[in-house]
Amino acid sequence: MKITLFSVDEANRAVQEIGPELEALVRVKRELDRVQSRMHVLEVAVAGASADNPDARELSQHAEHTARLADRVRTSVSSIHRRGCVIKDLDMGLLDFYSLETG
């Protein structure tokens, strides 16, 4: 990740530019969390079950969906980091910007 120093105005502009992408990223992350929670329940339910068990099939589908969602999260995080912003809390959509204190 490159380190970019932002003025207050630059940080405010960056927030406006990145806002829609960050909002989408937060939604994808929430979906990923939801699917992973469901997978944990299914993992307990399918312990020792055959592959044709409906829960086992659902678990397999969720595993594929999780991989796609995780890839989207990684791609979006990288995109934001390339702009010099730091994601502090993905669940809340909190960004940080490096700056030098003047005064």
N, C-alpha and C. Protein backbone atom coordinates (compact mmCIF):
# COMPACT_ATOMS: atom_id res chain seq x y z
N MET A 1 0.85 -1.18 0.00
CA MET A 1 0.00 0.00 0.00
C MET A 1 0.89 1.24 0.00
N LYS A 2 0.58 2.15 -0.88
CA LYS A 2 1.32 3.41 -0.89
C LYS A 2 0.79 4.31 0.22
N ILE A 3 1.67 5.13 0.76
CA ILE A 3 1.25 6.08 1.78
C ILE A 3 1.09 7.42 1.11
N THR A 4 -0.08 7.97 1.24
CA THR A 4 -0.41 9.26 0.68
C THR A 4 -0.76 10.19 1.83
N LEU A 5 -0.24 11.39 1.80
CA LEU A 5 -0.58 12.39 2.81
C LEU A 5 -1.71 13.27 2.26
N PHE A 6 -2.72 13.46 3.05
CA PHE A 6 -3.91 14.20 2.64
C PHE A 6 -4.05 15.48 3.46
N SER A 7 -4.47 16.54 2.79
CA SER A 7 -4.95 17.71 3.52
C SER A 7 -6.39 17.41 3.91
N VAL A 8 -6.97 18.24 4.74
CA VAL A 8 -8.37 18.05 5.12
C VAL A 8 -9.27 18.10 3.89
N ASP A 9 -9.03 19.06 3.01
CA ASP A 9 -9.84 19.18 1.80
C ASP A 9 -9.69 17.95 0.90
N GLU A 10 -8.47 17.47 0.76
CA GLU A 10 -8.23 16.28 -0.07
C GLU A 10 -8.92 15.05 0.53
N ALA A 11 -8.86 14.93 1.83
CA ALA A 11 -9.53 13.81 2.49
C ALA A 11 -11.04 13.89 2.30
N ASN A 12 -11.59 15.07 2.43
CA ASN A 12 -13.04 15.24 2.23
C ASN A 12 -13.44 14.90 0.80
N ARG A 13 -12.63 15.30 -0.17
CA ARG A 13 -12.93 14.96 -1.58
C ARG A 13 -12.82 13.44 -1.78
N ALA A 14 -11.81 12.85 -1.19
CA ALA A 14 -11.62 11.40 -1.34
C ALA A 14 -12.81 10.65 -0.75
N VAL A 15 -13.32 11.10 0.37
CA VAL A 15 -14.49 10.46 0.98
C VAL A 15 -15.67 10.50 0.03
N GLN A 16 -15.86 11.65 -0.62
CA GLN A 16 -16.96 11.78 -1.58
C GLN A 16 -16.78 10.84 -2.77
N GLU A 17 -15.55 10.73 -3.25
CA GLU A 17 -15.28 9.88 -4.41
C GLU A 17 -15.39 8.40 -4.06
N ILE A 18 -14.90 8.04 -2.91
CA ILE A 18 -14.85 6.63 -2.51
C ILE A 18 -16.15 6.16 -1.87
N GLY A 19 -16.96 7.10 -1.42
CA GLY A 19 -18.17 6.77 -0.68
C GLY A 19 -19.02 5.66 -1.27
N PRO A 20 -19.42 5.75 -2.53
CA PRO A 20 -20.26 4.69 -3.10
C PRO A 20 -19.56 3.32 -3.11
N GLU A 21 -18.27 3.30 -3.43
CA GLU A 21 -17.54 2.03 -3.43
C GLU A 21 -17.44 1.47 -2.01
N LEU A 22 -17.21 2.34 -1.03
CA LEU A 22 -17.12 1.89 0.35
C LEU A 22 -18.46 1.36 0.84
N GLU A 23 -19.54 2.03 0.49
CA GLU A 23 -20.88 1.56 0.89
C GLU A 23 -21.16 0.18 0.30
N ALA A 24 -20.81 -0.02 -0.96
CA ALA A 24 -20.99 -1.32 -1.59
C ALA A 24 -20.13 -2.38 -0.90
N LEU A 25 -18.91 -2.00 -0.55
CA LEU A 25 -18.01 -2.92 0.13
C LEU A 25 -18.58 -3.34 1.49
N VAL A 26 -19.12 -2.41 2.22
CA VAL A 26 -19.73 -2.72 3.52
C VAL A 26 -20.89 -3.69 3.33
N ARG A 27 -21.70 -3.49 2.30
CA ARG A 27 -22.83 -4.41 2.05
C ARG A 27 -22.33 -5.81 1.71
N VAL A 28 -21.29 -5.90 0.88
CA VAL A 28 -20.73 -7.20 0.51
C VAL A 28 -20.16 -7.89 1.75
N LYS A 29 -19.47 -7.12 2.59
CA LYS A 29 -18.89 -7.68 3.82
C LYS A 29 -20.00 -8.21 4.74
N ARG A 30 -21.10 -7.50 4.85
CA ARG A 30 -22.22 -7.96 5.68
C ARG A 30 -22.80 -9.26 5.12
N GLU A 31 -22.94 -9.33 3.81
CA GLU A 31 -23.43 -10.56 3.17
C GLU A 31 -22.45 -11.70 3.42
N LEU A 32 -21.17 -11.43 3.30
CA LEU A 32 -20.16 -12.44 3.57
C LEU A 32 -20.27 -12.95 5.01
N ASP A 33 -20.41 -12.05 5.95
CA ASP A 33 -20.57 -12.45 7.36
C ASP A 33 -21.82 -13.30 7.55
N ARG A 34 -22.92 -12.91 6.90
CA ARG A 34 -24.17 -13.65 7.03
C ARG A 34 -24.01 -15.07 6.48
N VAL A 35 -23.41 -15.20 5.31
CA VAL A 35 -23.23 -16.50 4.68
C VAL A 35 -22.29 -17.37 5.51
N GLN A 36 -21.24 -16.77 6.04
CA GLN A 36 -20.31 -17.55 6.87
C GLN A 36 -20.97 -18.04 8.14
N SER A 37 -21.84 -17.23 8.72
CA SER A 37 -22.58 -17.67 9.91
C SER A 37 -23.47 -18.86 9.60
N ARG A 38 -24.14 -18.79 8.46
CA ARG A 38 -24.99 -19.90 8.03
C ARG A 38 -24.14 -21.15 7.80
N MET A 39 -22.98 -20.97 7.22
CA MET A 39 -22.09 -22.11 6.96
C MET A 39 -21.67 -22.79 8.27
N HIS A 40 -21.43 -22.02 9.30
CA HIS A 40 -21.04 -22.61 10.59
C HIS A 40 -22.16 -23.50 11.13
N VAL A 41 -23.39 -23.05 10.98
CA VAL A 41 -24.54 -23.86 11.41
C VAL A 41 -24.62 -25.13 10.58
N LEU A 42 -24.48 -24.99 9.28
CA LEU A 42 -24.56 -26.15 8.39
C LEU A 42 -23.43 -27.14 8.63
N GLU A 43 -22.25 -26.65 8.96
CA GLU A 43 -21.12 -27.55 9.23
C GLU A 43 -21.44 -28.49 10.39
N VAL A 44 -22.13 -27.99 11.39
CA VAL A 44 -22.54 -28.84 12.52
C VAL A 44 -23.62 -29.82 12.06
N ALA A 45 -24.55 -29.32 11.26
CA ALA A 45 -25.67 -30.15 10.81
C ALA A 45 -25.24 -31.29 9.90
N VAL A 46 -24.20 -31.10 9.11
CA VAL A 46 -23.82 -32.11 8.12
C VAL A 46 -22.69 -33.03 8.60
N ALA A 47 -22.26 -32.85 9.81
CA ALA A 47 -21.18 -33.71 10.32
C ALA A 47 -21.58 -35.18 10.15
N GLY A 48 -20.84 -35.90 9.32
CA GLY A 48 -21.11 -37.32 9.09
C GLY A 48 -22.19 -37.59 8.05
N ALA A 49 -22.76 -36.56 7.46
CA ALA A 49 -23.82 -36.75 6.47
C ALA A 49 -23.22 -37.03 5.10
N SER A 50 -24.01 -37.64 4.26
CA SER A 50 -23.54 -37.94 2.90
C SER A 50 -23.59 -36.68 2.05
N ALA A 51 -22.89 -36.72 0.93
CA ALA A 51 -22.80 -35.56 0.04
C ALA A 51 -24.13 -35.18 -0.58
N ASP A 52 -25.08 -36.14 -0.66
CA ASP A 52 -26.37 -35.81 -1.26
C ASP A 52 -27.37 -35.26 -0.23
N ASN A 53 -26.94 -35.11 0.98
CA ASN A 53 -27.77 -34.50 2.02
C ASN A 53 -28.07 -33.05 1.62
N PRO A 54 -29.32 -32.60 1.74
CA PRO A 54 -29.67 -31.22 1.33
C PRO A 54 -28.83 -30.16 2.05
N ASP A 55 -28.56 -30.37 3.32
CA ASP A 55 -27.74 -29.40 4.05
C ASP A 55 -26.31 -29.40 3.52
N ALA A 56 -25.80 -30.57 3.14
CA ALA A 56 -24.45 -30.66 2.59
C ALA A 56 -24.38 -29.93 1.25
N ARG A 57 -25.42 -30.06 0.44
CA ARG A 57 -25.46 -29.35 -0.83
C ARG A 57 -25.52 -27.84 -0.60
N GLU A 58 -26.33 -27.43 0.37
CA GLU A 58 -26.43 -26.00 0.68
C GLU A 58 -25.08 -25.47 1.18
N LEU A 59 -24.40 -26.26 1.99
CA LEU A 59 -23.09 -25.86 2.49
C LEU A 59 -22.11 -25.67 1.33
N SER A 60 -22.15 -26.57 0.38
CA SER A 60 -21.28 -26.47 -0.78
C SER A 60 -21.58 -25.21 -1.59
N GLN A 61 -22.85 -24.91 -1.77
CA GLN A 61 -23.24 -23.70 -2.50
C GLN A 61 -22.77 -22.45 -1.77
N HIS A 62 -22.92 -22.46 -0.45
CA HIS A 62 -22.47 -21.32 0.34
C HIS A 62 -20.95 -21.16 0.28
N ALA A 63 -20.24 -22.25 0.23
CA ALA A 63 -18.77 -22.19 0.14
C ALA A 63 -18.36 -21.50 -1.16
N GLU A 64 -19.02 -21.83 -2.24
CA GLU A 64 -18.73 -21.17 -3.52
C GLU A 64 -19.08 -19.69 -3.48
N HIS A 65 -20.24 -19.39 -2.89
CA HIS A 65 -20.69 -17.99 -2.78
C HIS A 65 -19.72 -17.21 -1.89
N THR A 66 -19.26 -17.82 -0.81
CA THR A 66 -18.31 -17.17 0.09
C THR A 66 -17.01 -16.82 -0.64
N ALA A 67 -16.54 -17.72 -1.46
CA ALA A 67 -15.31 -17.46 -2.22
C ALA A 67 -15.48 -16.25 -3.14
N ARG A 68 -16.63 -16.16 -3.79
CA ARG A 68 -16.88 -15.01 -4.68
C ARG A 68 -16.97 -13.71 -3.88
N LEU A 69 -17.69 -13.75 -2.76
CA LEU A 69 -17.82 -12.56 -1.93
C LEU A 69 -16.47 -12.12 -1.37
N ALA A 70 -15.68 -13.06 -0.89
CA ALA A 70 -14.36 -12.75 -0.34
C ALA A 70 -13.46 -12.12 -1.41
N ASP A 71 -13.58 -12.60 -2.62
CA ASP A 71 -12.79 -12.02 -3.72
C ASP A 71 -13.22 -10.58 -3.98
N ARG A 72 -14.52 -10.32 -3.93
CA ARG A 72 -15.01 -8.95 -4.13
C ARG A 72 -14.52 -8.04 -3.01
N VAL A 73 -14.51 -8.54 -1.78
CA VAL A 73 -14.02 -7.75 -0.65
C VAL A 73 -12.54 -7.42 -0.85
N ARG A 74 -11.74 -8.43 -1.18
CA ARG A 74 -10.30 -8.21 -1.40
C ARG A 74 -10.06 -7.18 -2.51
N THR A 75 -10.78 -7.30 -3.60
CA THR A 75 -10.61 -6.39 -4.73
C THR A 75 -10.96 -4.96 -4.33
N SER A 76 -12.06 -4.79 -3.63
CA SER A 76 -12.48 -3.44 -3.23
C SER A 76 -11.55 -2.84 -2.19
N VAL A 77 -11.10 -3.64 -1.24
CA VAL A 77 -10.16 -3.14 -0.24
C VAL A 77 -8.88 -2.68 -0.92
N SER A 78 -8.38 -3.48 -1.85
CA SER A 78 -7.17 -3.11 -2.58
C SER A 78 -7.36 -1.82 -3.35
N SER A 79 -8.51 -1.66 -3.98
CA SER A 79 -8.80 -0.45 -4.74
C SER A 79 -8.77 0.78 -3.85
N ILE A 80 -9.35 0.68 -2.67
CA ILE A 80 -9.37 1.81 -1.74
C ILE A 80 -7.96 2.09 -1.21
N HIS A 81 -7.24 1.04 -0.88
CA HIS A 81 -5.87 1.23 -0.39
C HIS A 81 -4.97 1.85 -1.44
N ARG A 82 -5.17 1.50 -2.70
CA ARG A 82 -4.35 2.08 -3.77
C ARG A 82 -4.53 3.60 -3.86
N ARG A 83 -5.64 4.09 -3.38
CA ARG A 83 -5.89 5.55 -3.40
C ARG A 83 -5.26 6.24 -2.19
N GLY A 84 -4.61 5.46 -1.33
CA GLY A 84 -3.92 6.02 -0.18
C GLY A 84 -4.74 6.08 1.08
N CYS A 85 -5.97 5.61 1.04
CA CYS A 85 -6.84 5.60 2.21
C CYS A 85 -6.60 4.31 3.00
N VAL A 86 -6.88 4.36 4.29
CA VAL A 86 -6.73 3.19 5.15
C VAL A 86 -8.11 2.84 5.69
N ILE A 87 -8.51 1.59 5.50
CA ILE A 87 -9.78 1.14 6.06
C ILE A 87 -9.54 0.77 7.51
N LYS A 88 -10.21 1.48 8.41
CA LYS A 88 -10.03 1.24 9.84
C LYS A 88 -11.06 0.25 10.38
N ASP A 89 -12.29 0.32 9.87
CA ASP A 89 -13.34 -0.59 10.33
C ASP A 89 -14.28 -0.84 9.16
N LEU A 90 -14.18 -2.04 8.61
CA LEU A 90 -14.98 -2.38 7.44
C LEU A 90 -16.45 -2.55 7.79
N ASP A 91 -16.74 -3.02 8.99
CA ASP A 91 -18.14 -3.20 9.38
C ASP A 91 -18.87 -1.85 9.46
N MET A 92 -18.15 -0.83 9.89
CA MET A 92 -18.75 0.50 10.01
C MET A 92 -18.49 1.37 8.79
N GLY A 93 -17.58 0.95 7.91
CA GLY A 93 -17.23 1.77 6.75
C GLY A 93 -16.37 2.96 7.15
N LEU A 94 -15.46 2.75 8.09
CA LEU A 94 -14.63 3.83 8.62
C LEU A 94 -13.29 3.87 7.90
N LEU A 95 -12.97 5.03 7.34
CA LEU A 95 -11.70 5.26 6.64
C LEU A 95 -10.82 6.17 7.47
N ASP A 96 -9.52 6.06 7.21
CA ASP A 96 -8.56 6.95 7.82
C ASP A 96 -7.65 7.50 6.72
N PHE A 97 -7.14 8.68 6.94
CA PHE A 97 -6.28 9.34 5.98
C PHE A 97 -5.03 9.84 6.72
N TYR A 98 -3.87 9.51 6.16
CA TYR A 98 -2.64 10.02 6.74
C TYR A 98 -2.49 11.50 6.41
N SER A 99 -1.98 12.25 7.37
CA SER A 99 -1.71 13.66 7.14
C SER A 99 -0.55 14.09 8.04
N LEU A 100 0.00 15.24 7.74
CA LEU A 100 1.02 15.84 8.60
C LEU A 100 0.38 16.97 9.36
N GLU A 101 0.63 16.99 10.64
CA GLU A 101 0.08 18.07 11.45
C GLU A 101 0.87 19.34 11.14
N THR A 102 0.14 20.39 10.93
CA THR A 102 0.78 21.67 10.70
C THR A 102 0.38 22.61 11.80
N GLY A 103 1.18 23.52 12.08
CA GLY A 103 0.77 24.49 13.08
C GLY A 103 1.88 24.88 13.90
